[in-house]
C-alpha atoms as a PDB file:
ATOM      1  CA  LEU A   1      76.559 101.996 108.872  1.00  0.00           C
ATOM      2  CA  TYR A   2      79.961 102.450 107.233  1.00  0.00           C
ATOM      3  CA  GLY A   3      81.398 104.066 110.383  1.00  0.00           C
ATOM      4  CA  LEU A   4      80.204 101.206 112.561  1.00  0.00           C
ATOM      5  CA  LEU A   5      81.568  98.725 110.073  1.00  0.00           C
ATOM      6  CA  TYR A   6      84.937 100.463 110.091  1.00  0.00           C
ATOM      7  CA  LEU A   7      85.131 100.287 113.884  1.00  0.00           C
ATOM      8  CA  ALA A   8      84.031  96.658 113.923  1.00  0.00           C
ATOM      9  CA  VAL A   9      86.654  95.502 111.406  1.00  0.00           C
ATOM     10  CA  GLY A  10      89.459  96.314 113.802  1.00  0.00           C
ATOM     11  CA  ILE A  11      87.996  94.465 116.774  1.00  0.00           C
ATOM     12  CA  VAL A  12      85.942  91.484 115.630  1.00  0.00           C
ATOM     13  CA  SER A  13      86.727  88.250 113.854  1.00  0.00           C
ATOM     14  CA  ILE A  14      86.125  87.806 110.161  1.00  0.00           C
ATOM     15  CA  SER A  15      83.483  85.156 110.886  1.00  0.00           C
ATOM     16  CA  ILE A  16      81.357  87.803 112.606  1.00  0.00           C
ATOM     17  CA  LEU A  17      81.955  90.257 109.769  1.00  0.00           C
ATOM     18  CA  THR A  18      80.623  87.769 107.229  1.00  0.00           C
ATOM     19  CA  ASP A  19      77.214  88.182 108.848  1.00  0.00           C
ATOM     20  CA  TYR A  20      77.253  91.806 107.656  1.00  0.00           C
ATOM     21  CA  LEU A  21      79.657  91.940 104.705  1.00  0.00           C
ATOM     22  CA  ASP A  22      79.886  90.035 101.494  1.00  0.00           C
ATOM     23  CA  ILE A  23      83.579  89.289 102.038  1.00  0.00           C
ATOM     24  CA  ASN A  24      84.040  87.996  98.490  1.00  0.00           C
ATOM     25  CA  SER A  25      82.940  91.301  96.932  1.00  0.00           C
ATOM     26  CA  PHE A  26      85.259  93.229  99.266  1.00  0.00           C
ATOM     27  CA  ALA A  27      88.093  90.826  98.400  1.00  0.00           C
ATOM     28  CA  MET A  28      87.490  91.243  94.658  1.00  0.00           C
ATOM     29  CA  LYS A  29      87.404  95.032  94.984  1.00  0.00           C
ATOM     30  CA  TYR A  30      90.659  94.863  96.901  1.00  0.00           C
ATOM     31  CA  ALA A  31      92.334  92.508  94.391  1.00  0.00           C
ATOM     32  CA  LEU A  32      91.296  94.591  91.381  1.00  0.00           C
ATOM     33  CA  GLU A  33      92.135  97.982  92.825  1.00  0.00           C
ATOM     34  CA  GLU A  34      95.405  96.763  94.316  1.00  0.00           C
ATOM     35  CA  PHE A  35      96.372  95.270  90.966  1.00  0.00           C
ATOM     36  CA  LEU A  36      95.597  98.569  89.225  1.00  0.00           C
ATOM     37  CA  ASN A  37      97.518 100.549  91.865  1.00  0.00           C
ATOM     38  CA  PHE A  38      94.463 102.786  91.718  1.00  0.00           C
ATOM     39  CA  ASN A  39      95.182 106.135  93.386  1.00  0.00           C
ATOM     40  CA  ASP A  40      91.594 106.675  94.600  1.00  0.00           C
ATOM     41  CA  ALA A  41      91.181 103.169  95.998  1.00  0.00           C
ATOM     42  CA  GLY A  42      89.960 103.052  99.564  1.00  0.00           C
ATOM     43  CA  ARG A  43      89.278 106.778  99.736  1.00  0.00           C
ATOM     44  CA  SER A  44      86.978 107.907  96.916  1.00  0.00           C
ATOM     45  CA  SER A  45      85.344 106.707  93.714  1.00  0.00           C
ATOM     46  CA  ALA A  46      83.916 103.775  95.618  1.00  0.00           C
ATOM     47  CA  TYR A  47      80.455 102.292  95.567  1.00  0.00           C
ATOM     48  CA  TYR A  48      78.887  99.973  98.095  1.00  0.00           C
ATOM     49  CA  TYR A  49      75.335  98.694  98.150  1.00  0.00           C
ATOM     50  CA  LYS A  50      73.042  96.854 100.506  1.00  0.00           C
ATOM     51  CA  ASP A  51      69.572  95.406 100.142  1.00  0.00           C
ATOM     52  CA  VAL A  52      67.141  95.790 103.023  1.00  0.00           C
ATOM     53  CA  ASN A  53      68.155  93.266 105.703  1.00  0.00           C
ATOM     54  CA  GLY A  54      70.976  92.071 103.449  1.00  0.00           C
ATOM     55  CA  LYS A  55      74.732  92.191 103.536  1.00  0.00           C
ATOM     56  CA  LEU A  56      76.877  95.128 102.440  1.00  0.00           C
ATOM     57  CA  TYR A  57      78.528  94.575  99.049  1.00  0.00           C
ATOM     58  CA  ALA A  58      81.579  96.342  97.616  1.00  0.00           C
ATOM     59  CA  GLY A  59      81.272  97.503  94.034  1.00  0.00           C
ATOM     60  CA  PRO A  60      80.851  98.029  91.243  1.00  0.00           C
ATOM     61  CA  GLY A  61      84.298  99.405  90.470  1.00  0.00           C
ATOM     62  CA  TRP A  62      84.453 102.587  88.450  1.00  0.00           C
ATOM     63  CA  ASP A  63      86.361 105.780  87.652  1.00  0.00           C
ATOM     64  CA  PHE A  64      89.749 104.153  87.023  1.00  0.00           C
ATOM     65  CA  GLU A  65      91.462 107.122  85.389  1.00  0.00           C
ATOM     66  CA  GLY A  66      93.992 106.982  88.227  1.00  0.00           C
ATOM     67  CA  ALA A  67      95.006 103.381  87.550  1.00  0.00           C
ATOM     68  CA  PHE A  68      98.396 102.074  86.422  1.00  0.00           C
ATOM     69  CA  LEU A  69     100.196 104.786  88.376  1.00  0.00           C
ATOM     70  CA  GLY A  70     103.245 104.645  90.561  1.00  0.00           C
ATOM     71  CA  ASN A  71     105.755 101.913  91.089  1.00  0.00           C
ATOM     72  CA  SER A  72     104.462  98.543  89.896  1.00  0.00           C
ATOM     73  CA  LYS A  73     106.294  96.852  92.782  1.00  0.00           C
ATOM     74  CA  TYR A  74     104.583  98.680  95.651  1.00  0.00           C
ATOM     75  CA  MET A  75     101.515  97.596  97.578  1.00  0.00           C
ATOM     76  CA  THR A  76      99.042 100.360  98.328  1.00  0.00           C
ATOM     77  CA  LYS A  77      96.826  98.617 100.925  1.00  0.00           C
ATOM     78  CA  LEU A  78      94.181 100.738  99.193  1.00  0.00           C
ATOM     79  CA  ASN A  79      95.656 104.032 100.280  1.00  0.00           C
ATOM     80  CA  GLY A  80      95.188 104.234 104.015  1.00  0.00           C
ATOM     81  CA  THR A  81      96.001 107.828 104.984  1.00  0.00           C
ATOM     82  CA  THR A  82      94.808 110.419 107.436  1.00  0.00           C
ATOM     83  CA  TYR A  83      92.317 111.656 104.826  1.00  0.00           C
ATOM     84  CA  SER A  84      90.956 108.281 103.833  1.00  0.00           C
ATOM     85  CA  THR A  85      89.970 105.020 105.413  1.00  0.00           C
ATOM     86  CA  ASP A  86      92.134 102.120 106.402  1.00  0.00           C
ATOM     87  CA  LEU A  87      89.170  99.748 106.177  1.00  0.00           C
ATOM     88  CA  TYR A  88      90.928  97.470 103.686  1.00  0.00           C
ATOM     89  CA  GLU A  89      94.147  97.619 105.648  1.00  0.00           C
ATOM     90  CA  LYS A  90      92.197  96.381 108.678  1.00  0.00           C
ATOM     91  CA  LEU A  91      90.453  93.690 106.615  1.00  0.00           C
ATOM     92  CA  TRP A  92      93.876  92.569 105.392  1.00  0.00           C
ATOM     93  CA  ASP A  93      94.814  91.779 108.998  1.00  0.00           C
ATOM     94  CA  HIS A  94      92.363  88.841 108.803  1.00  0.00           C
ATOM     95  CA  GLN A  95      93.858  85.692 107.244  1.00  0.00           C
ATOM     96  CA  ASP A  96      90.480  84.690 105.741  1.00  0.00           C
ATOM     97  CA  PHE A  97      90.285  88.005 103.884  1.00  0.00           C
ATOM     98  CA  GLN A  98      93.838  87.583 102.567  1.00  0.00           C
ATOM     99  CA  GLU A  99      92.945  84.132 101.271  1.00  0.00           C
ATOM    100  CA  ALA A 100      89.788  85.468  99.594  1.00  0.00           C
ATOM    101  CA  VAL A 101      91.829  88.214  97.900  1.00  0.00           C
ATOM    102  CA  LYS A 102      94.402  85.732  96.642  1.00  0.00           C
ATOM    103  CA  LYS A 103      91.688  83.349  95.420  1.00  0.00           C
ATOM    104  CA  ASN A 104      89.887  86.143  93.514  1.00  0.00           C
ATOM    105  CA  TYR A 105      93.175  87.280  92.055  1.00  0.00           C
ATOM    106  CA  GLN A 106      94.196  83.794  90.925  1.00  0.00           C
ATOM    107  CA  GLU A 107      90.820  82.503  89.719  1.00  0.00           C
ATOM    108  CA  LEU A 108      89.204  85.641  88.266  1.00  0.00           C
ATOM    109  CA  LEU A 109      91.690  88.439  87.745  1.00  0.00           C
ATOM    110  CA  LEU A 110      94.591  86.460  86.236  1.00  0.00           C
ATOM    111  CA  PRO A 111      92.438  84.807  83.511  1.00  0.00           C
ATOM    112  CA  ALA A 112      90.968  88.216  82.633  1.00  0.00           C
ATOM    113  CA  LEU A 113      94.488  89.602  82.523  1.00  0.00           C
ATOM    114  CA  GLN A 114      95.534  86.921  80.039  1.00  0.00           C
ATOM    115  CA  THR A 115      92.658  87.953  77.751  1.00  0.00           C
ATOM    116  CA  LEU A 116      93.649  91.583  78.154  1.00  0.00           C
ATOM    117  CA  LYS A 117      97.268  90.875  77.249  1.00  0.00           C
ATOM    118  CA  THR A 118      96.641  88.454  74.369  1.00  0.00           C
ATOM    119  CA  SER A 119      93.887  90.310  72.507  1.00  0.00           C
ATOM    120  CA  LYS A 120      91.999  93.067  74.282  1.00  0.00           C
ATOM    121  CA  LEU A 121      94.837  95.612  74.575  1.00  0.00           C
ATOM    122  CA  GLU A 122      95.536  95.373  70.859  1.00  0.00           C
ATOM    123  CA  GLU A 123      91.824  95.724  70.093  1.00  0.00           C
ATOM    124  CA  LEU A 124      91.575  98.818  72.302  1.00  0.00           C
ATOM    125  CA  LYS A 125      94.660 100.368  70.707  1.00  0.00           C
ATOM    126  CA  THR A 126      93.192  99.862  67.236  1.00  0.00           C
ATOM    127  CA  GLN A 127      89.815 101.302  68.258  1.00  0.00           C
ATOM    128  CA  ASN A 128      91.401 104.407  69.780  1.00  0.00           C
ATOM    129  CA  LEU A 129      94.312 105.071  67.428  1.00  0.00           C
ATOM    130  CA  GLN A 130      92.638 107.715  65.233  1.00  0.00           C
ATOM    131  CA  SER A 131      91.194 109.546  68.232  1.00  0.00           C
ATOM    132  CA  ALA A 132      94.595 109.432  69.926  1.00  0.00           C
ATOM    133  CA  LYS A 133      96.235 110.928  66.836  1.00  0.00           C
ATOM    134  CA  MET A 134      93.775 113.823  66.833  1.00  0.00           C
ATOM    135  CA  ASP A 135      94.238 114.240  70.568  1.00  0.00           C
ATOM    136  CA  MET A 136      98.004 114.522  70.003  1.00  0.00           C
ATOM    137  CA  VAL A 137      97.449 117.176  67.300  1.00  0.00           C
ATOM    138  CA  ARG A 138      94.949 119.176  69.334  1.00  0.00           C
ATOM    139  CA  TRP A 139      96.607 118.953  72.737  1.00  0.00           C
ATOM    140  CA  ASN A 140     100.215 118.124  71.835  1.00  0.00           C
ATOM    141  CA  ARG A 141     100.099 115.025  74.031  1.00  0.00           C
ATOM    142  CA  GLU A 142     102.628 112.212  74.351  1.00  0.00           C
ATOM    143  CA  ASP A 143     102.935 109.506  71.749  1.00  0.00           C
ATOM    144  CA  PHE A 144      99.980 107.105  72.021  1.00  0.00           C
ATOM    145  CA  THR A 145     101.962 104.035  70.952  1.00  0.00           C
ATOM    146  CA  GLU A 146     104.660 104.727  73.555  1.00  0.00           C
ATOM    147  CA  ASN A 147     102.011 105.219  76.242  1.00  0.00           C
ATOM    148  CA  CYS A 148     100.401 101.895  75.300  1.00  0.00           C
ATOM    149  CA  LYS A 149     103.777 100.161  75.508  1.00  0.00           C
ATOM    150  CA  SER A 150     104.403 101.714  78.940  1.00  0.00           C
ATOM    151  CA  ILE A 151     101.062 100.400  80.198  1.00  0.00           C
ATOM    152  CA  GLU A 152     101.765  96.935  78.775  1.00  0.00           C
ATOM    153  CA  ASN A 153     105.162  96.867  80.508  1.00  0.00           C
ATOM    154  CA  TRP A 154     103.625  98.107  83.763  1.00  0.00           C
ATOM    155  CA  ILE A 155     100.943  95.390  83.657  1.00  0.00           C
ATOM    156  CA  ALA A 156     103.574  92.689  83.093  1.00  0.00           C
ATOM    157  CA  GLU A 157     105.691  93.987  86.001  1.00  0.00           C
ATOM    158  CA  ARG A 158     102.665  94.256  88.279  1.00  0.00           C
ATOM    159  CA  GLU A 159     101.493  90.749  87.457  1.00  0.00           C
ATOM    160  CA  THR A 160     104.956  89.326  88.141  1.00  0.00           C
ATOM    161  CA  PHE A 161     105.191  91.225  91.431  1.00  0.00           C
ATOM    162  CA  LEU A 162     101.725  90.192  92.693  1.00  0.00           C
ATOM    163  CA  ASN A 163     102.189  86.580  91.592  1.00  0.00           C
ATOM    164  CA  ASP A 164     105.412  86.520  93.557  1.00  0.00           C
ATOM    165  CA  HIS A 165     103.932  88.379  96.509  1.00  0.00           C
ATOM    166  CA  TRP A 166     100.519  86.681  96.771  1.00  0.00           C
ATOM    167  CA  LEU A 167     100.938  83.276  95.165  1.00  0.00           C
ATOM    168  CA  SER A 168     104.523  82.067  95.620  1.00  0.00           C
ATOM    169  CA  GLY A 169     104.491  81.597  99.391  1.00  0.00           C
ATOM    170  CA  LYS A 170     107.661  83.643  99.816  1.00  0.00           C
ATOM    171  CA  ASN A 171     108.020  85.616 103.011  1.00  0.00           C
ATOM    172  CA  TYR A 172     108.031  89.361 102.510  1.00  0.00           C
ATOM    173  CA  ILE A 173     109.080  92.056 104.941  1.00  0.00           C
ATOM    174  CA  SER A 174     106.983  95.208 104.767  1.00  0.00           C
ATOM    175  CA  VAL A 175     108.229  98.748 105.178  1.00  0.00           C
ATOM    176  CA  ILE A 176     105.458 101.292 105.645  1.00  0.00           C
ATOM    177  CA  LEU A 177     106.140 104.915 104.800  1.00  0.00           C
ATOM    178  CA  LYS A 178     103.319 106.826 106.492  1.00  0.00           C
ATOM    179  CA  SER A 179     102.175 110.172 105.196  1.00  0.00           C
ATOM    180  CA  GLU A 180      99.654 112.616 106.552  1.00  0.00           C
ATOM    181  CA  TRP A 181      99.234 114.329 103.188  1.00  0.00           C
ATOM    182  CA  GLN A 182      99.781 111.663 100.570  1.00  0.00           C
ATOM    183  CA  ASN A 183      99.065 107.966 100.228  1.00  0.00           C
ATOM    184  CA  ASN A 184     101.052 105.762 102.537  1.00  0.00           C
ATOM    185  CA  ALA A 185     103.646 103.685 100.684  1.00  0.00           C
ATOM    186  CA  TYR A 186     104.015  99.983 101.404  1.00  0.00           C
ATOM    187  CA  ILE A 187     107.296  98.626 100.127  1.00  0.00           C
ATOM    188  CA  TYR A 188     107.813  94.873 100.237  1.00  0.00           C
ATOM    189  CA  LEU A 189     111.174  93.143 100.137  1.00  0.00           C
ATOM    190  CA  ASN A 190     111.983  89.467  99.977  1.00  0.00           C
ATOM    191  CA  GLU A 191     113.283  88.307 103.316  1.00  0.00           C
ATOM    192  CA  GLY A 192     117.055  88.709 103.266  1.00  0.00           C
ATOM    193  CA  GLU A 193     117.141  91.460 100.615  1.00  0.00           C
END
């Protein structure tokens, strides 16, 4: 089923795909994993489900140990490479899918992000501080507080970049650095930069 779906995405309209896919769940998966710059997105650690005679749904998301990596100002297109799928890259070619991604990002992900930034990150730091201290003693790891600050800064940069890229209406020029062995890199520049 997945192979047929993959072939169909490149050749049919999004209105036909909605007969078989729950586009909103695919858009939410894309928005979340693109925000996280998740290194397994689009190639592993992915769940999909389908009821008998029902649509195919993307999710739930899981296994995000590879999140918050890389440059916060790159788009991943969910890691289309030779050794993965470019399903989401092909879905992104459809304007309706782009709009669904942006809507999920603006209406669901951004409010959750505000909660994360205003209270949840601090709560998580407090809950994990003692364990992190013991982890640093046992494994001689990096400073937990500095790592938390790096993640907070990365989140703020990523939010600013995606707001500008997805919500501002500015025109971006994309440069795609293709790789057979690693994730393709998608670098976006404001027109005229």
